[in-house]
Amino acid sequence: MSLYSESHLLFPLEALSDLRSERDRAWLEMVAAVEGSRSDSLESAAMVLLLARLCGCSTCNSDSYRAITGCASCAKQALRRFRGEDGDLLTLFEGAKTEISSACN
């Protein structure tokens, strides 16, 4: 097993279940809805975009501490550090859905 086997270019949806208990009920419901959707759905893509932005995935590299600890660990820390309410995360999620929808049309 490689040291970097838990790292990806963008946030992997497989790690989403590890984030269920990191926030309150609204977050849990949003995670459950995304997990219940297909992996190629708008909701799944929006969640990846939201978490990639929140975690700073675009600046992560194989030598960084974030990459070494893995995506789920990084996302847990980013969610704990997020100072907004769950409603703010829902707003960011809806914005990501809108952004992806408009880019695909």
N, C-alpha and C. Protein backbone atom coordinates (compact mmCIF):
# COMPACT_ATOMS: atom_id res chain seq x y z
N MET A 1 0.84 -1.18 0.00
CA MET A 1 0.00 0.00 0.00
C MET A 1 0.89 1.24 0.00
N SER A 2 0.58 2.16 -0.86
CA SER A 2 1.34 3.41 -0.97
C SER A 2 1.00 4.35 0.18
N LEU A 3 1.97 5.15 0.56
CA LEU A 3 1.77 6.16 1.59
C LEU A 3 0.68 7.15 1.19
N TYR A 4 0.54 7.39 -0.10
CA TYR A 4 -0.38 8.39 -0.60
C TYR A 4 -1.67 7.79 -1.16
N SER A 5 -1.98 6.57 -0.80
CA SER A 5 -3.14 5.90 -1.38
C SER A 5 -4.46 6.56 -1.01
N GLU A 6 -4.50 7.36 0.05
CA GLU A 6 -5.73 8.01 0.48
C GLU A 6 -5.88 9.42 -0.09
N SER A 7 -5.02 9.82 -1.00
CA SER A 7 -5.05 11.17 -1.55
C SER A 7 -5.55 11.14 -2.99
N HIS A 8 -6.29 12.18 -3.36
CA HIS A 8 -6.86 12.29 -4.69
C HIS A 8 -6.67 13.71 -5.20
N LEU A 9 -6.93 13.91 -6.48
CA LEU A 9 -6.83 15.27 -7.03
C LEU A 9 -7.95 16.16 -6.54
N LEU A 10 -9.12 15.62 -6.43
CA LEU A 10 -10.27 16.32 -5.88
C LEU A 10 -10.87 15.45 -4.79
N PHE A 11 -11.77 16.02 -4.04
CA PHE A 11 -12.35 15.26 -2.94
C PHE A 11 -13.08 14.02 -3.46
N PRO A 12 -12.76 12.84 -2.93
CA PRO A 12 -13.41 11.61 -3.39
C PRO A 12 -14.74 11.37 -2.66
N LEU A 13 -15.77 11.09 -3.39
CA LEU A 13 -17.09 10.86 -2.79
C LEU A 13 -17.09 9.66 -1.84
N GLU A 14 -16.18 8.72 -2.03
CA GLU A 14 -16.11 7.56 -1.15
C GLU A 14 -15.84 7.98 0.30
N ALA A 15 -15.22 9.12 0.50
CA ALA A 15 -14.88 9.58 1.85
C ALA A 15 -16.01 10.38 2.49
N LEU A 16 -17.07 10.63 1.75
CA LEU A 16 -18.16 11.46 2.26
C LEU A 16 -18.81 10.88 3.51
N SER A 17 -18.95 9.57 3.56
CA SER A 17 -19.60 8.96 4.73
C SER A 17 -18.82 9.22 6.02
N ASP A 18 -17.51 9.43 5.92
CA ASP A 18 -16.69 9.74 7.09
C ASP A 18 -17.00 11.12 7.66
N LEU A 19 -17.71 11.95 6.89
CA LEU A 19 -17.97 13.33 7.30
C LEU A 19 -19.36 13.55 7.88
N ARG A 20 -20.14 12.50 7.97
CA ARG A 20 -21.54 12.61 8.42
C ARG A 20 -21.67 13.33 9.76
N SER A 21 -20.88 12.96 10.71
CA SER A 21 -21.05 13.47 12.08
C SER A 21 -20.25 14.75 12.36
N GLU A 22 -19.69 15.36 11.34
CA GLU A 22 -18.85 16.53 11.57
C GLU A 22 -19.64 17.82 11.79
N ARG A 23 -20.90 17.86 11.40
CA ARG A 23 -21.70 19.07 11.56
C ARG A 23 -23.06 18.69 12.15
N ASP A 24 -24.00 19.61 12.05
CA ASP A 24 -25.31 19.38 12.63
C ASP A 24 -26.25 18.66 11.67
N ARG A 25 -27.53 18.65 12.01
CA ARG A 25 -28.56 17.90 11.28
C ARG A 25 -28.67 18.28 9.80
N ALA A 26 -28.61 19.57 9.49
CA ALA A 26 -28.73 20.00 8.09
C ALA A 26 -27.60 19.41 7.24
N TRP A 27 -26.40 19.39 7.79
CA TRP A 27 -25.26 18.79 7.09
C TRP A 27 -25.48 17.29 6.91
N LEU A 28 -25.92 16.63 7.95
CA LEU A 28 -26.17 15.20 7.88
C LEU A 28 -27.20 14.87 6.80
N GLU A 29 -28.26 15.66 6.72
CA GLU A 29 -29.29 15.45 5.71
C GLU A 29 -28.75 15.69 4.30
N MET A 30 -27.89 16.70 4.15
CA MET A 30 -27.30 16.97 2.83
C MET A 30 -26.38 15.83 2.42
N VAL A 31 -25.57 15.34 3.34
CA VAL A 31 -24.69 14.21 3.05
C VAL A 31 -25.51 12.97 2.68
N ALA A 32 -26.56 12.72 3.41
CA ALA A 32 -27.42 11.56 3.13
C ALA A 32 -28.05 11.68 1.74
N ALA A 33 -28.47 12.88 1.38
CA ALA A 33 -29.07 13.08 0.06
C ALA A 33 -28.05 12.84 -1.05
N VAL A 34 -26.84 13.30 -0.86
CA VAL A 34 -25.79 13.09 -1.87
C VAL A 34 -25.42 11.61 -1.96
N GLU A 35 -25.32 10.96 -0.81
CA GLU A 35 -25.00 9.52 -0.82
C GLU A 35 -26.10 8.71 -1.48
N GLY A 36 -27.33 9.19 -1.42
CA GLY A 36 -28.45 8.50 -2.04
C GLY A 36 -28.57 8.76 -3.53
N SER A 37 -27.78 9.69 -4.04
CA SER A 37 -27.85 10.01 -5.47
C SER A 37 -26.77 9.25 -6.22
N ARG A 38 -26.89 9.25 -7.53
CA ARG A 38 -25.89 8.58 -8.37
C ARG A 38 -24.58 9.36 -8.33
N SER A 39 -23.48 8.68 -8.57
CA SER A 39 -22.17 9.33 -8.51
C SER A 39 -21.97 10.37 -9.62
N ASP A 40 -22.77 10.27 -10.69
CA ASP A 40 -22.65 11.25 -11.77
C ASP A 40 -23.76 12.30 -11.71
N SER A 41 -24.43 12.43 -10.57
CA SER A 41 -25.52 13.38 -10.44
C SER A 41 -24.98 14.79 -10.18
N LEU A 42 -25.85 15.76 -10.38
CA LEU A 42 -25.52 17.15 -10.10
C LEU A 42 -25.17 17.33 -8.62
N GLU A 43 -25.90 16.66 -7.74
CA GLU A 43 -25.66 16.77 -6.31
C GLU A 43 -24.27 16.26 -5.93
N SER A 44 -23.87 15.14 -6.52
CA SER A 44 -22.55 14.58 -6.24
C SER A 44 -21.45 15.51 -6.74
N ALA A 45 -21.61 16.03 -7.93
CA ALA A 45 -20.61 16.96 -8.48
C ALA A 45 -20.54 18.23 -7.64
N ALA A 46 -21.68 18.72 -7.19
CA ALA A 46 -21.70 19.93 -6.36
C ALA A 46 -21.02 19.69 -5.02
N MET A 47 -21.20 18.51 -4.44
CA MET A 47 -20.55 18.20 -3.17
C MET A 47 -19.03 18.13 -3.35
N VAL A 48 -18.59 17.52 -4.43
CA VAL A 48 -17.15 17.46 -4.70
C VAL A 48 -16.60 18.87 -4.86
N LEU A 49 -17.30 19.71 -5.61
CA LEU A 49 -16.86 21.09 -5.79
C LEU A 49 -16.83 21.84 -4.47
N LEU A 50 -17.88 21.72 -3.68
CA LEU A 50 -17.94 22.38 -2.38
C LEU A 50 -16.77 21.96 -1.49
N LEU A 51 -16.55 20.67 -1.36
CA LEU A 51 -15.49 20.19 -0.48
C LEU A 51 -14.10 20.49 -1.04
N ALA A 52 -13.95 20.43 -2.36
CA ALA A 52 -12.66 20.76 -2.97
C ALA A 52 -12.30 22.21 -2.67
N ARG A 53 -13.28 23.09 -2.72
CA ARG A 53 -13.03 24.49 -2.40
C ARG A 53 -12.78 24.69 -0.91
N LEU A 54 -13.59 24.07 -0.10
CA LEU A 54 -13.47 24.21 1.35
C LEU A 54 -12.13 23.67 1.85
N CYS A 55 -11.68 22.58 1.27
CA CYS A 55 -10.45 21.94 1.71
C CYS A 55 -9.20 22.49 1.02
N GLY A 56 -9.39 23.21 -0.07
CA GLY A 56 -8.25 23.72 -0.81
C GLY A 56 -7.55 22.64 -1.61
N CYS A 57 -8.32 21.75 -2.19
CA CYS A 57 -7.75 20.62 -2.94
C CYS A 57 -6.83 21.07 -4.08
N SER A 58 -7.09 22.22 -4.66
CA SER A 58 -6.28 22.67 -5.79
C SER A 58 -4.85 23.01 -5.39
N THR A 59 -4.62 23.26 -4.10
CA THR A 59 -3.26 23.57 -3.65
C THR A 59 -2.59 22.40 -2.95
N CYS A 60 -3.27 21.28 -2.88
CA CYS A 60 -2.71 20.09 -2.23
C CYS A 60 -1.75 19.40 -3.21
N ASN A 61 -0.67 18.87 -2.67
CA ASN A 61 0.25 18.09 -3.51
C ASN A 61 0.76 16.90 -2.71
N SER A 62 1.41 16.00 -3.37
CA SER A 62 1.79 14.73 -2.74
C SER A 62 2.75 14.88 -1.57
N ASP A 63 3.42 16.02 -1.47
CA ASP A 63 4.34 16.23 -0.36
C ASP A 63 3.72 16.99 0.80
N SER A 64 2.47 17.39 0.66
CA SER A 64 1.84 18.19 1.72
C SER A 64 1.33 17.30 2.84
N TYR A 65 1.22 17.91 3.99
CA TYR A 65 0.68 17.21 5.16
C TYR A 65 -0.74 16.72 4.88
N ARG A 66 -1.53 17.56 4.18
CA ARG A 66 -2.91 17.18 3.87
C ARG A 66 -2.96 15.91 3.05
N ALA A 67 -2.09 15.80 2.06
CA ALA A 67 -2.08 14.60 1.21
C ALA A 67 -1.65 13.37 1.99
N ILE A 68 -0.70 13.56 2.87
CA ILE A 68 -0.20 12.42 3.65
C ILE A 68 -1.28 11.90 4.61
N THR A 69 -2.05 12.81 5.22
CA THR A 69 -3.08 12.37 6.16
C THR A 69 -4.32 11.84 5.47
N GLY A 70 -4.56 12.25 4.23
CA GLY A 70 -5.69 11.74 3.47
C GLY A 70 -6.83 12.74 3.36
N CYS A 71 -7.67 12.54 2.38
CA CYS A 71 -8.75 13.47 2.06
C CYS A 71 -9.81 13.56 3.15
N ALA A 72 -10.19 12.43 3.73
CA ALA A 72 -11.22 12.46 4.76
C ALA A 72 -10.75 13.23 5.98
N SER A 73 -9.52 13.02 6.38
CA SER A 73 -8.97 13.73 7.53
C SER A 73 -8.89 15.23 7.26
N CYS A 74 -8.46 15.59 6.07
CA CYS A 74 -8.38 17.00 5.68
C CYS A 74 -9.77 17.64 5.68
N ALA A 75 -10.75 16.94 5.13
CA ALA A 75 -12.11 17.47 5.07
C ALA A 75 -12.71 17.62 6.47
N LYS A 76 -12.44 16.67 7.35
CA LYS A 76 -12.93 16.79 8.72
C LYS A 76 -12.39 18.05 9.38
N GLN A 77 -11.12 18.28 9.18
CA GLN A 77 -10.50 19.47 9.76
C GLN A 77 -11.09 20.74 9.14
N ALA A 78 -11.28 20.75 7.84
CA ALA A 78 -11.85 21.93 7.17
C ALA A 78 -13.27 22.20 7.65
N LEU A 79 -14.06 21.16 7.84
CA LEU A 79 -15.43 21.33 8.34
C LEU A 79 -15.44 21.83 9.78
N ARG A 80 -14.51 21.37 10.58
CA ARG A 80 -14.43 21.86 11.96
C ARG A 80 -14.02 23.32 12.02
N ARG A 81 -13.17 23.72 11.08
CA ARG A 81 -12.68 25.10 11.05
C ARG A 81 -13.66 26.07 10.39
N PHE A 82 -14.62 25.54 9.66
CA PHE A 82 -15.59 26.39 8.97
C PHE A 82 -16.40 27.14 10.03
N ARG A 83 -16.39 28.46 9.96
CA ARG A 83 -17.00 29.28 11.00
C ARG A 83 -18.47 29.59 10.75
N GLY A 84 -18.97 29.25 9.61
CA GLY A 84 -20.37 29.50 9.31
C GLY A 84 -21.27 28.43 9.90
N GLU A 85 -22.55 28.64 9.72
CA GLU A 85 -23.57 27.68 10.15
C GLU A 85 -23.74 26.61 9.07
N ASP A 86 -24.48 25.57 9.40
CA ASP A 86 -24.80 24.56 8.39
C ASP A 86 -25.58 25.17 7.24
N GLY A 87 -26.41 26.15 7.55
CA GLY A 87 -27.16 26.84 6.49
C GLY A 87 -26.23 27.50 5.48
N ASP A 88 -25.08 27.98 5.94
CA ASP A 88 -24.10 28.57 5.03
C ASP A 88 -23.51 27.51 4.11
N LEU A 89 -23.28 26.32 4.65
CA LEU A 89 -22.80 25.22 3.82
C LEU A 89 -23.85 24.82 2.78
N LEU A 90 -25.12 24.82 3.19
CA LEU A 90 -26.20 24.51 2.25
C LEU A 90 -26.26 25.56 1.15
N THR A 91 -26.05 26.82 1.49
CA THR A 91 -26.04 27.89 0.49
C THR A 91 -24.88 27.70 -0.48
N LEU A 92 -23.70 27.35 0.04
CA LEU A 92 -22.55 27.09 -0.83
C LEU A 92 -22.81 25.89 -1.73
N PHE A 93 -23.47 24.87 -1.20
CA PHE A 93 -23.82 23.68 -1.97
C PHE A 93 -24.78 24.03 -3.10
N GLU A 94 -25.81 24.81 -2.80
CA GLU A 94 -26.77 25.23 -3.83
C GLU A 94 -26.08 26.09 -4.88
N GLY A 95 -25.16 26.94 -4.45
CA GLY A 95 -24.39 27.76 -5.39
C GLY A 95 -23.53 26.92 -6.30
N ALA A 96 -22.93 25.87 -5.76
CA ALA A 96 -22.12 24.95 -6.57
C ALA A 96 -22.99 24.22 -7.59
N LYS A 97 -24.20 23.82 -7.18
CA LYS A 97 -25.13 23.18 -8.12
C LYS A 97 -25.48 24.13 -9.25
N THR A 98 -25.77 25.38 -8.91
CA THR A 98 -26.11 26.37 -9.93
C THR A 98 -24.95 26.61 -10.88
N GLU A 99 -23.76 26.72 -10.31
CA GLU A 99 -22.55 26.94 -11.13
C GLU A 99 -22.31 25.79 -12.11
N ILE A 100 -22.45 24.57 -11.63
CA ILE A 100 -22.24 23.40 -12.50
C ILE A 100 -23.34 23.33 -13.56
N SER A 101 -24.57 23.59 -13.17
CA SER A 101 -25.69 23.57 -14.14
C SER A 101 -25.48 24.56 -15.26
N SER A 102 -25.07 25.76 -14.91
CA SER A 102 -24.88 26.80 -15.93
C SER A 102 -23.67 26.51 -16.79
N ALA A 103 -22.65 25.85 -16.24
CA ALA A 103 -21.47 25.51 -17.03
C ALA A 103 -21.77 24.39 -18.02
N CYS A 104 -22.73 23.54 -17.69
CA CYS A 104 -23.07 22.40 -18.55
C CYS A 104 -24.08 22.75 -19.64
N ASN A 105 -24.66 23.91 -19.55
CA ASN A 105 -25.67 24.30 -20.56
C ASN A 105 -25.09 25.15 -21.64
